[in-house]
N, C-alpha and C. Protein backbone atom coordinates (compact mmCIF):
# COMPACT_ATOMS: atom_id res chain seq x y z
N MET A 1 28.88 21.10 -29.43
CA MET A 1 28.63 20.76 -28.04
C MET A 1 29.48 19.55 -27.67
N GLY A 2 30.13 19.62 -26.52
CA GLY A 2 31.00 18.53 -26.10
C GLY A 2 30.22 17.35 -25.53
N HIS A 3 30.96 16.27 -25.28
CA HIS A 3 30.35 15.04 -24.75
C HIS A 3 29.63 15.30 -23.42
N LYS A 4 30.30 16.02 -22.53
CA LYS A 4 29.71 16.28 -21.21
C LYS A 4 28.42 17.09 -21.35
N GLU A 5 28.40 18.06 -22.21
CA GLU A 5 27.20 18.88 -22.41
C GLU A 5 26.06 18.03 -22.98
N ASN A 6 26.38 17.09 -23.89
CA ASN A 6 25.35 16.20 -24.45
C ASN A 6 24.76 15.31 -23.36
N VAL A 7 25.64 14.77 -22.53
CA VAL A 7 25.18 13.91 -21.44
C VAL A 7 24.31 14.71 -20.48
N ASN A 8 24.76 15.91 -20.11
CA ASN A 8 23.98 16.75 -19.19
C ASN A 8 22.61 17.08 -19.78
N LYS A 9 22.56 17.36 -21.07
CA LYS A 9 21.30 17.69 -21.74
C LYS A 9 20.36 16.48 -21.70
N LEU A 10 20.89 15.29 -22.00
CA LEU A 10 20.07 14.08 -21.96
C LEU A 10 19.53 13.81 -20.56
N ILE A 11 20.38 13.96 -19.56
CA ILE A 11 19.95 13.73 -18.18
C ILE A 11 18.87 14.74 -17.79
N ASP A 12 19.08 16.02 -18.13
CA ASP A 12 18.11 17.05 -17.79
C ASP A 12 16.77 16.82 -18.48
N GLU A 13 16.80 16.41 -19.74
CA GLU A 13 15.56 16.11 -20.46
C GLU A 13 14.84 14.92 -19.83
N ASN A 14 15.61 13.92 -19.42
CA ASN A 14 15.03 12.75 -18.77
C ASN A 14 14.36 13.13 -17.45
N ILE A 15 15.00 13.99 -16.68
CA ILE A 15 14.43 14.45 -15.40
C ILE A 15 13.12 15.18 -15.62
N VAL A 16 13.05 16.00 -16.67
CA VAL A 16 11.80 16.71 -16.99
C VAL A 16 10.68 15.71 -17.30
N GLU A 17 11.00 14.67 -18.08
CA GLU A 17 10.01 13.64 -18.42
C GLU A 17 9.57 12.87 -17.17
N ILE A 18 10.52 12.53 -16.32
CA ILE A 18 10.18 11.83 -15.08
C ILE A 18 9.26 12.69 -14.22
N HIS A 19 9.57 13.97 -14.12
CA HIS A 19 8.74 14.89 -13.34
C HIS A 19 7.31 14.92 -13.88
N LYS A 20 7.17 14.96 -15.21
CA LYS A 20 5.83 14.95 -15.82
C LYS A 20 5.08 13.67 -15.45
N LEU A 21 5.77 12.52 -15.49
CA LEU A 21 5.14 11.25 -15.15
C LEU A 21 4.75 11.20 -13.67
N ILE A 22 5.58 11.75 -12.82
CA ILE A 22 5.25 11.79 -11.39
C ILE A 22 4.03 12.66 -11.15
N GLN A 23 3.96 13.79 -11.84
CA GLN A 23 2.77 14.66 -11.72
C GLN A 23 1.52 13.93 -12.17
N LYS A 24 1.61 13.16 -13.26
CA LYS A 24 0.47 12.38 -13.75
C LYS A 24 0.09 11.30 -12.74
N LYS A 25 1.09 10.66 -12.13
CA LYS A 25 0.85 9.64 -11.11
C LYS A 25 0.11 10.24 -9.92
N ILE A 26 0.52 11.41 -9.49
CA ILE A 26 -0.14 12.09 -8.36
C ILE A 26 -1.58 12.44 -8.73
N GLU A 27 -1.79 12.86 -9.95
CA GLU A 27 -3.14 13.20 -10.42
C GLU A 27 -4.05 11.96 -10.41
N ILE A 28 -3.55 10.84 -10.94
CA ILE A 28 -4.32 9.59 -10.93
C ILE A 28 -4.62 9.17 -9.49
N TRP A 29 -3.61 9.25 -8.64
CA TRP A 29 -3.76 8.86 -7.23
C TRP A 29 -4.83 9.72 -6.56
N SER A 30 -4.76 11.04 -6.75
CA SER A 30 -5.72 11.92 -6.07
C SER A 30 -7.13 11.79 -6.64
N ASP A 31 -7.26 11.44 -7.92
CA ASP A 31 -8.58 11.29 -8.53
C ASP A 31 -9.22 9.92 -8.26
N TYR A 32 -8.42 8.86 -8.17
CA TYR A 32 -8.97 7.51 -8.14
C TYR A 32 -8.56 6.64 -6.95
N VAL A 33 -7.42 6.91 -6.36
CA VAL A 33 -6.89 5.99 -5.34
C VAL A 33 -7.18 6.45 -3.92
N VAL A 34 -6.82 7.67 -3.60
CA VAL A 34 -6.95 8.14 -2.22
C VAL A 34 -8.42 7.99 -1.77
N PHE A 35 -8.60 7.46 -0.60
CA PHE A 35 -9.89 7.19 0.04
C PHE A 35 -10.67 6.02 -0.58
N SER A 36 -10.03 5.29 -1.52
CA SER A 36 -10.67 4.07 -2.03
C SER A 36 -10.52 2.97 -0.99
N GLY A 37 -11.24 1.88 -1.16
CA GLY A 37 -11.15 0.77 -0.22
C GLY A 37 -9.74 0.22 -0.08
N LEU A 38 -9.04 0.07 -1.21
CA LEU A 38 -7.68 -0.47 -1.16
C LEU A 38 -6.70 0.53 -0.56
N TRP A 39 -6.99 1.81 -0.69
CA TRP A 39 -6.16 2.82 -0.05
C TRP A 39 -6.33 2.72 1.47
N TRP A 40 -7.59 2.61 1.92
CA TRP A 40 -7.86 2.48 3.36
C TRP A 40 -7.24 1.20 3.91
N LEU A 41 -7.28 0.12 3.13
CA LEU A 41 -6.61 -1.12 3.55
C LEU A 41 -5.12 -0.85 3.78
N GLY A 42 -4.49 -0.14 2.86
CA GLY A 42 -3.07 0.20 3.00
C GLY A 42 -2.79 1.05 4.22
N VAL A 43 -3.67 2.00 4.50
CA VAL A 43 -3.50 2.83 5.70
C VAL A 43 -3.60 1.95 6.95
N GLY A 44 -4.61 1.08 6.97
CA GLY A 44 -4.76 0.17 8.11
C GLY A 44 -3.56 -0.74 8.29
N LEU A 45 -3.06 -1.29 7.16
CA LEU A 45 -1.89 -2.17 7.23
C LEU A 45 -0.62 -1.41 7.59
N SER A 46 -0.63 -0.10 7.45
CA SER A 46 0.52 0.71 7.84
C SER A 46 0.54 1.00 9.33
N VAL A 47 -0.63 1.00 9.97
CA VAL A 47 -0.73 1.43 11.36
C VAL A 47 -1.04 0.27 12.33
N ILE A 48 -2.04 -0.53 12.03
CA ILE A 48 -2.53 -1.54 12.97
C ILE A 48 -1.46 -2.54 13.41
N PRO A 49 -0.64 -3.09 12.49
CA PRO A 49 0.40 -4.03 12.98
C PRO A 49 1.36 -3.40 13.98
N TRP A 50 1.67 -2.12 13.82
CA TRP A 50 2.55 -1.46 14.79
C TRP A 50 1.89 -1.36 16.16
N ILE A 51 0.59 -1.10 16.17
CA ILE A 51 -0.14 -1.03 17.44
C ILE A 51 -0.13 -2.40 18.11
N ILE A 52 -0.41 -3.44 17.34
CA ILE A 52 -0.40 -4.81 17.88
C ILE A 52 0.98 -5.15 18.43
N TRP A 53 2.02 -4.84 17.67
CA TRP A 53 3.37 -5.13 18.14
C TRP A 53 3.67 -4.35 19.42
N TYR A 54 3.30 -3.08 19.46
CA TYR A 54 3.59 -2.25 20.62
C TYR A 54 2.93 -2.82 21.89
N VAL A 55 1.71 -3.30 21.75
CA VAL A 55 0.99 -3.84 22.90
C VAL A 55 1.59 -5.16 23.37
N PHE A 56 1.95 -6.03 22.43
CA PHE A 56 2.39 -7.38 22.78
C PHE A 56 3.90 -7.59 22.78
N ARG A 57 4.67 -6.56 22.54
CA ARG A 57 6.12 -6.72 22.48
C ARG A 57 6.68 -7.06 23.86
N LYS A 58 7.86 -7.66 23.86
CA LYS A 58 8.58 -7.87 25.11
C LYS A 58 9.29 -6.56 25.42
N LYS A 59 8.81 -5.88 26.43
CA LYS A 59 9.28 -4.52 26.72
C LYS A 59 10.79 -4.43 26.93
N ASN A 60 11.38 -5.44 27.56
CA ASN A 60 12.82 -5.38 27.81
C ASN A 60 13.65 -5.66 26.55
N SER A 61 13.01 -6.03 25.46
CA SER A 61 13.72 -6.29 24.19
C SER A 61 13.38 -5.25 23.12
N THR A 62 12.66 -4.21 23.49
CA THR A 62 12.18 -3.25 22.49
C THR A 62 13.31 -2.69 21.63
N ASP A 63 14.36 -2.18 22.25
CA ASP A 63 15.44 -1.55 21.48
C ASP A 63 16.11 -2.55 20.55
N ARG A 64 16.39 -3.71 21.05
CA ARG A 64 17.06 -4.76 20.27
C ARG A 64 16.20 -5.15 19.06
N ILE A 65 14.90 -5.33 19.27
CA ILE A 65 14.01 -5.76 18.20
C ILE A 65 13.80 -4.62 17.20
N LEU A 66 13.71 -3.39 17.68
CA LEU A 66 13.57 -2.25 16.75
C LEU A 66 14.82 -2.09 15.89
N TYR A 67 15.97 -2.41 16.44
CA TYR A 67 17.23 -2.38 15.69
C TYR A 67 17.13 -3.32 14.49
N ALA A 68 16.65 -4.53 14.73
CA ALA A 68 16.47 -5.49 13.63
C ALA A 68 15.37 -5.00 12.68
N GLY A 69 14.29 -4.44 13.23
CA GLY A 69 13.20 -3.93 12.41
C GLY A 69 13.64 -2.81 11.49
N LEU A 70 14.52 -1.95 11.97
CA LEU A 70 15.03 -0.86 11.12
C LEU A 70 15.83 -1.43 9.95
N PHE A 71 16.60 -2.48 10.21
CA PHE A 71 17.31 -3.15 9.12
C PHE A 71 16.31 -3.68 8.09
N ILE A 72 15.25 -4.33 8.57
CA ILE A 72 14.24 -4.89 7.67
C ILE A 72 13.63 -3.78 6.81
N MET A 73 13.26 -2.68 7.44
CA MET A 73 12.68 -1.55 6.68
C MET A 73 13.64 -1.07 5.60
N THR A 74 14.89 -0.89 5.97
CA THR A 74 15.88 -0.36 5.03
C THR A 74 16.09 -1.30 3.86
N ILE A 75 16.30 -2.57 4.14
CA ILE A 75 16.56 -3.52 3.06
C ILE A 75 15.30 -3.75 2.22
N SER A 76 14.14 -3.76 2.85
CA SER A 76 12.89 -3.94 2.11
C SER A 76 12.65 -2.78 1.15
N LEU A 77 12.84 -1.57 1.64
CA LEU A 77 12.68 -0.40 0.77
C LEU A 77 13.67 -0.44 -0.38
N ALA A 78 14.93 -0.72 -0.08
CA ALA A 78 15.96 -0.73 -1.12
C ALA A 78 15.67 -1.77 -2.19
N LEU A 79 15.33 -2.99 -1.77
CA LEU A 79 15.05 -4.05 -2.74
C LEU A 79 13.76 -3.78 -3.52
N ASP A 80 12.76 -3.23 -2.83
CA ASP A 80 11.51 -2.91 -3.51
C ASP A 80 11.70 -1.81 -4.55
N ILE A 81 12.49 -0.82 -4.22
CA ILE A 81 12.78 0.25 -5.19
C ILE A 81 13.53 -0.32 -6.39
N LEU A 82 14.52 -1.18 -6.13
CA LEU A 82 15.24 -1.82 -7.24
C LEU A 82 14.31 -2.63 -8.14
N GLY A 83 13.44 -3.43 -7.52
CA GLY A 83 12.50 -4.24 -8.29
C GLY A 83 11.58 -3.39 -9.14
N ASP A 84 11.12 -2.28 -8.56
CA ASP A 84 10.26 -1.36 -9.31
C ASP A 84 11.02 -0.69 -10.45
N GLN A 85 12.23 -0.23 -10.17
CA GLN A 85 13.02 0.48 -11.18
C GLN A 85 13.43 -0.42 -12.34
N PHE A 86 13.61 -1.71 -12.06
CA PHE A 86 13.97 -2.66 -13.13
C PHE A 86 12.73 -3.34 -13.72
N SER A 87 11.55 -2.81 -13.40
CA SER A 87 10.27 -3.30 -13.93
C SER A 87 10.04 -4.78 -13.64
N LEU A 88 10.50 -5.25 -12.49
CA LEU A 88 10.22 -6.63 -12.09
C LEU A 88 8.81 -6.74 -11.53
N TRP A 89 8.33 -5.65 -10.95
CA TRP A 89 6.98 -5.55 -10.41
C TRP A 89 6.63 -4.08 -10.25
N HIS A 90 5.37 -3.83 -9.99
CA HIS A 90 4.95 -2.48 -9.61
C HIS A 90 3.73 -2.60 -8.70
N TYR A 91 3.35 -1.47 -8.13
CA TYR A 91 2.24 -1.44 -7.18
C TYR A 91 1.18 -0.46 -7.64
N ARG A 92 -0.04 -0.80 -7.30
CA ARG A 92 -1.18 0.09 -7.48
C ARG A 92 -1.72 0.42 -6.09
N TYR A 93 -2.50 1.43 -6.00
CA TYR A 93 -3.19 1.80 -4.76
C TYR A 93 -2.21 2.12 -3.63
N ASN A 94 -1.17 2.86 -3.99
CA ASN A 94 -0.17 3.26 -2.98
C ASN A 94 -0.81 4.17 -1.94
N VAL A 95 -0.36 4.03 -0.71
CA VAL A 95 -0.80 4.91 0.35
C VAL A 95 -0.28 6.32 0.10
N LEU A 96 0.95 6.41 -0.34
CA LEU A 96 1.57 7.69 -0.69
C LEU A 96 1.88 7.66 -2.19
N PRO A 97 1.49 8.70 -2.92
CA PRO A 97 1.59 8.62 -4.39
C PRO A 97 3.00 8.66 -4.95
N ILE A 98 3.94 9.25 -4.27
CA ILE A 98 5.28 9.41 -4.86
C ILE A 98 6.26 8.34 -4.43
N VAL A 99 5.82 7.42 -3.57
CA VAL A 99 6.67 6.33 -3.14
C VAL A 99 6.49 5.17 -4.12
N PRO A 100 7.57 4.71 -4.77
CA PRO A 100 7.41 3.66 -5.77
C PRO A 100 7.16 2.28 -5.19
N THR A 101 7.24 2.15 -3.88
CA THR A 101 7.05 0.85 -3.24
C THR A 101 5.70 0.83 -2.53
N TYR A 102 5.31 -0.33 -2.03
CA TYR A 102 4.09 -0.43 -1.25
C TYR A 102 4.45 -0.19 0.20
N PHE A 103 4.22 1.03 0.64
CA PHE A 103 4.59 1.51 1.96
C PHE A 103 4.22 0.54 3.08
N PRO A 104 2.97 0.02 3.13
CA PRO A 104 2.63 -0.90 4.22
C PRO A 104 3.50 -2.15 4.26
N TRP A 105 3.92 -2.64 3.13
CA TRP A 105 4.74 -3.85 3.09
C TRP A 105 6.13 -3.57 3.65
N ASP A 106 6.77 -2.52 3.17
CA ASP A 106 8.16 -2.24 3.52
C ASP A 106 8.33 -1.64 4.91
N ILE A 107 7.39 -0.80 5.31
CA ILE A 107 7.54 -0.06 6.56
C ILE A 107 6.82 -0.74 7.73
N THR A 108 5.86 -1.60 7.41
CA THR A 108 5.11 -2.22 8.49
C THR A 108 5.10 -3.74 8.43
N LEU A 109 4.53 -4.32 7.39
CA LEU A 109 4.29 -5.76 7.38
C LEU A 109 5.58 -6.58 7.46
N MET A 110 6.57 -6.24 6.67
CA MET A 110 7.85 -6.97 6.74
C MET A 110 8.51 -6.81 8.11
N PRO A 111 8.79 -5.58 8.55
CA PRO A 111 9.50 -5.47 9.83
C PRO A 111 8.71 -5.99 11.03
N VAL A 112 7.42 -5.70 11.09
CA VAL A 112 6.64 -6.14 12.24
C VAL A 112 6.53 -7.66 12.26
N SER A 113 6.34 -8.28 11.10
CA SER A 113 6.28 -9.75 11.05
C SER A 113 7.57 -10.36 11.58
N VAL A 114 8.69 -9.84 11.12
CA VAL A 114 9.97 -10.37 11.57
C VAL A 114 10.18 -10.09 13.06
N MET A 115 9.82 -8.89 13.51
CA MET A 115 10.02 -8.55 14.92
C MET A 115 9.18 -9.46 15.82
N ILE A 116 7.98 -9.79 15.38
CA ILE A 116 7.15 -10.71 16.16
C ILE A 116 7.78 -12.10 16.16
N LEU A 117 8.22 -12.56 14.99
CA LEU A 117 8.87 -13.88 14.92
C LEU A 117 10.13 -13.95 15.78
N LEU A 118 10.86 -12.85 15.85
CA LEU A 118 12.07 -12.84 16.67
C LEU A 118 11.74 -13.01 18.16
N GLN A 119 10.55 -12.57 18.55
CA GLN A 119 10.17 -12.65 19.96
C GLN A 119 9.44 -13.94 20.32
N VAL A 120 8.71 -14.50 19.36
CA VAL A 120 7.98 -15.74 19.62
C VAL A 120 8.97 -16.90 19.58
N LYS A 121 8.98 -17.68 20.64
CA LYS A 121 9.94 -18.79 20.74
C LYS A 121 11.34 -18.28 20.40
N ALA A 122 11.77 -17.28 21.15
CA ALA A 122 13.03 -16.59 20.88
C ALA A 122 14.22 -17.54 20.76
N ASN A 123 14.17 -18.66 21.46
CA ASN A 123 15.27 -19.62 21.39
C ASN A 123 15.04 -20.71 20.34
N GLY A 124 13.97 -20.55 19.56
CA GLY A 124 13.68 -21.53 18.51
C GLY A 124 14.72 -21.48 17.40
N ASN A 125 14.74 -22.49 16.59
CA ASN A 125 15.70 -22.58 15.50
C ASN A 125 15.47 -21.46 14.49
N PRO A 126 16.43 -20.54 14.32
CA PRO A 126 16.23 -19.42 13.40
C PRO A 126 16.11 -19.86 11.94
N PHE A 127 16.72 -20.99 11.58
CA PHE A 127 16.63 -21.46 10.20
C PHE A 127 15.22 -21.92 9.86
N ILE A 128 14.59 -22.60 10.80
CA ILE A 128 13.21 -23.04 10.59
C ILE A 128 12.30 -21.83 10.50
N LYS A 129 12.49 -20.87 11.40
CA LYS A 129 11.68 -19.65 11.38
C LYS A 129 11.90 -18.88 10.08
N ALA A 130 13.15 -18.82 9.62
CA ALA A 130 13.47 -18.11 8.38
C ALA A 130 12.79 -18.78 7.18
N ILE A 131 12.84 -20.10 7.14
CA ILE A 131 12.21 -20.84 6.03
C ILE A 131 10.70 -20.62 6.05
N LEU A 132 10.10 -20.72 7.23
CA LEU A 132 8.66 -20.49 7.33
C LEU A 132 8.29 -19.07 6.92
N PHE A 133 9.10 -18.11 7.34
CA PHE A 133 8.86 -16.71 6.97
C PHE A 133 8.98 -16.54 5.45
N GLY A 134 10.02 -17.11 4.87
CA GLY A 134 10.22 -17.00 3.42
C GLY A 134 9.08 -17.63 2.64
N LEU A 135 8.64 -18.80 3.06
CA LEU A 135 7.54 -19.49 2.37
C LEU A 135 6.22 -18.74 2.53
N PHE A 136 5.96 -18.28 3.76
CA PHE A 136 4.72 -17.53 4.01
C PHE A 136 4.69 -16.24 3.19
N SER A 137 5.80 -15.49 3.22
CA SER A 137 5.85 -14.22 2.48
C SER A 137 5.68 -14.43 0.98
N ALA A 138 6.39 -15.42 0.44
CA ALA A 138 6.40 -15.62 -1.00
C ALA A 138 5.13 -16.28 -1.52
N TYR A 139 4.61 -17.26 -0.78
CA TYR A 139 3.50 -18.05 -1.33
C TYR A 139 2.13 -17.73 -0.75
N LEU A 140 2.08 -16.89 0.28
CA LEU A 140 0.78 -16.46 0.80
C LEU A 140 0.60 -14.94 0.69
N ALA A 141 1.56 -14.18 1.22
CA ALA A 141 1.41 -12.73 1.23
C ALA A 141 1.48 -12.13 -0.18
N GLU A 142 2.50 -12.50 -0.95
CA GLU A 142 2.61 -11.94 -2.31
C GLU A 142 1.41 -12.31 -3.18
N PRO A 143 0.98 -13.58 -3.22
CA PRO A 143 -0.21 -13.90 -4.02
C PRO A 143 -1.47 -13.17 -3.53
N PHE A 144 -1.59 -12.98 -2.21
CA PHE A 144 -2.75 -12.26 -1.69
C PHE A 144 -2.77 -10.83 -2.22
N PHE A 145 -1.65 -10.13 -2.16
CA PHE A 145 -1.61 -8.76 -2.66
C PHE A 145 -1.73 -8.72 -4.19
N HIS A 146 -1.27 -9.76 -4.85
CA HIS A 146 -1.46 -9.87 -6.30
C HIS A 146 -2.95 -10.06 -6.60
N TRP A 147 -3.61 -10.92 -5.83
CA TRP A 147 -5.04 -11.17 -6.00
C TRP A 147 -5.84 -9.88 -5.80
N LEU A 148 -5.43 -9.05 -4.84
CA LEU A 148 -6.09 -7.76 -4.60
C LEU A 148 -5.77 -6.75 -5.71
N GLU A 149 -4.84 -7.09 -6.58
CA GLU A 149 -4.37 -6.25 -7.68
C GLU A 149 -3.62 -5.01 -7.18
N ILE A 150 -3.01 -5.14 -6.00
CA ILE A 150 -2.14 -4.09 -5.47
C ILE A 150 -0.72 -4.32 -5.98
N TYR A 151 -0.28 -5.57 -5.92
CA TYR A 151 1.06 -5.98 -6.34
C TYR A 151 0.94 -6.63 -7.72
N VAL A 152 1.76 -6.15 -8.67
CA VAL A 152 1.71 -6.66 -10.03
C VAL A 152 3.11 -7.12 -10.44
N PRO A 153 3.39 -8.42 -10.26
CA PRO A 153 4.70 -8.92 -10.72
C PRO A 153 4.70 -9.00 -12.25
N THR A 154 5.73 -8.46 -12.87
CA THR A 154 5.82 -8.49 -14.33
C THR A 154 6.87 -9.48 -14.80
N LYS A 155 8.04 -9.41 -14.19
CA LYS A 155 9.14 -10.33 -14.55
C LYS A 155 9.62 -11.05 -13.29
N TRP A 156 8.75 -11.29 -12.37
CA TRP A 156 9.12 -11.85 -11.08
C TRP A 156 8.22 -13.03 -10.76
N ARG A 157 8.79 -14.04 -10.17
CA ARG A 157 8.04 -15.22 -9.72
C ARG A 157 8.12 -15.27 -8.20
N TYR A 158 7.07 -15.74 -7.57
CA TYR A 158 7.04 -15.81 -6.11
C TYR A 158 8.24 -16.58 -5.57
N THR A 159 8.62 -17.63 -6.27
CA THR A 159 9.72 -18.48 -5.83
C THR A 159 11.03 -17.70 -5.67
N TYR A 160 11.22 -16.67 -6.49
CA TYR A 160 12.44 -15.87 -6.39
C TYR A 160 12.55 -15.20 -5.03
N SER A 161 11.42 -14.92 -4.40
CA SER A 161 11.42 -14.20 -3.13
C SER A 161 11.84 -15.07 -1.95
N VAL A 162 11.65 -16.38 -2.06
CA VAL A 162 11.89 -17.26 -0.91
C VAL A 162 13.31 -17.12 -0.36
N PRO A 163 14.38 -17.32 -1.16
CA PRO A 163 15.72 -17.21 -0.57
C PRO A 163 16.03 -15.80 -0.06
N ILE A 164 15.49 -14.79 -0.72
CA ILE A 164 15.73 -13.41 -0.27
C ILE A 164 15.10 -13.20 1.10
N GLN A 165 13.86 -13.66 1.26
CA GLN A 165 13.18 -13.50 2.55
C GLN A 165 13.89 -14.30 3.65
N ILE A 166 14.37 -15.47 3.31
CA ILE A 166 15.10 -16.29 4.29
C ILE A 166 16.36 -15.55 4.76
N ILE A 167 17.12 -15.01 3.82
CA ILE A 167 18.35 -14.29 4.17
C ILE A 167 18.03 -13.06 5.00
N ILE A 168 17.00 -12.31 4.62
CA ILE A 168 16.60 -11.12 5.38
C ILE A 168 16.28 -11.50 6.82
N TYR A 169 15.51 -12.57 6.99
CA TYR A 169 15.17 -13.00 8.35
C TYR A 169 16.42 -13.39 9.14
N LEU A 170 17.29 -14.16 8.52
CA LEU A 170 18.49 -14.61 9.24
C LEU A 170 19.39 -13.45 9.63
N VAL A 171 19.52 -12.46 8.77
CA VAL A 171 20.33 -11.28 9.13
C VAL A 171 19.66 -10.52 10.27
N ALA A 172 18.34 -10.37 10.21
CA ALA A 172 17.62 -9.69 11.29
C ALA A 172 17.79 -10.45 12.61
N HIS A 173 17.72 -11.77 12.54
CA HIS A 173 17.94 -12.60 13.73
C HIS A 173 19.33 -12.34 14.30
N TYR A 174 20.33 -12.36 13.44
CA TYR A 174 21.70 -12.10 13.86
C TYR A 174 21.81 -10.72 14.52
N LEU A 175 21.24 -9.70 13.89
CA LEU A 175 21.32 -8.35 14.44
C LEU A 175 20.61 -8.24 15.78
N SER A 176 19.51 -8.97 15.93
CA SER A 176 18.75 -8.89 17.18
C SER A 176 19.49 -9.53 18.35
N ARG A 177 20.51 -10.30 18.06
CA ARG A 177 21.27 -10.99 19.12
C ARG A 177 22.57 -10.26 19.48
N ARG A 178 22.86 -9.16 18.83
CA ARG A 178 24.10 -8.43 19.12
C ARG A 178 24.02 -7.77 20.48
N GLU A 179 25.13 -7.83 21.19
CA GLU A 179 25.22 -7.24 22.52
C GLU A 179 26.43 -6.35 22.70
N LYS A 180 27.27 -6.27 21.71
CA LYS A 180 28.53 -5.54 21.86
C LYS A 180 28.40 -4.08 21.46
N PHE A 181 27.58 -3.35 22.19
CA PHE A 181 27.45 -1.92 22.00
C PHE A 181 28.20 -1.23 23.13
N SER A 182 29.06 -0.30 22.80
CA SER A 182 29.73 0.45 23.86
C SER A 182 28.82 1.60 24.27
N PRO A 183 28.91 2.02 25.52
CA PRO A 183 28.07 3.14 25.97
C PRO A 183 28.42 4.41 25.20
N ILE A 184 27.41 5.19 24.91
CA ILE A 184 27.61 6.47 24.21
C ILE A 184 28.17 7.51 25.17
N TYR A 185 27.79 7.43 26.40
CA TYR A 185 28.23 8.39 27.39
C TYR A 185 28.80 7.68 28.61
N GLN A 186 29.58 8.38 29.35
CA GLN A 186 30.17 7.83 30.57
C GLN A 186 29.21 8.02 31.75
N LYS A 187 28.99 6.96 32.52
CA LYS A 187 28.17 7.08 33.72
C LYS A 187 28.99 7.78 34.79
N LYS A 188 28.36 8.63 35.52
CA LYS A 188 29.05 9.37 36.59
C LYS A 188 28.87 8.70 37.91
């Protein structure tokens, strides 16, 4: 058997093992997690912040703020998946069993928090807001989810998150201020 065939065989065997583990994860989730108190908390944290943002958002800034929010979702998911895959942390009580990240954090809490901060005191110093966001996320939100035993850092310290959260906020701030979009269609 050639080198390529050996590699293909190893990859295929690994995929079979991963599939078995995912099936076991779904079984544990359906037997113990779904409809538990922490599962319902995750569902609430996935929906309620969006409702609050929708009601209190600045209507004339919706598109601009959602643009920044989409960036936050994308980067949060990507970094969370990397952290999980490198065993820096993992999550329990997932809202969805096959998502390796904590859905409410990446899809709701991070983007909605930033979108609200972008609108509150919109002309305020973005560096101060970024630092406050980084400190709050790292030293209040992460420990809270750790205390609930939803978030389990294994090789990660809260302090590592601070500069990452600051950069994420500053990029979102920058994106929310962009105005150079050309029209998609010609006005008649």
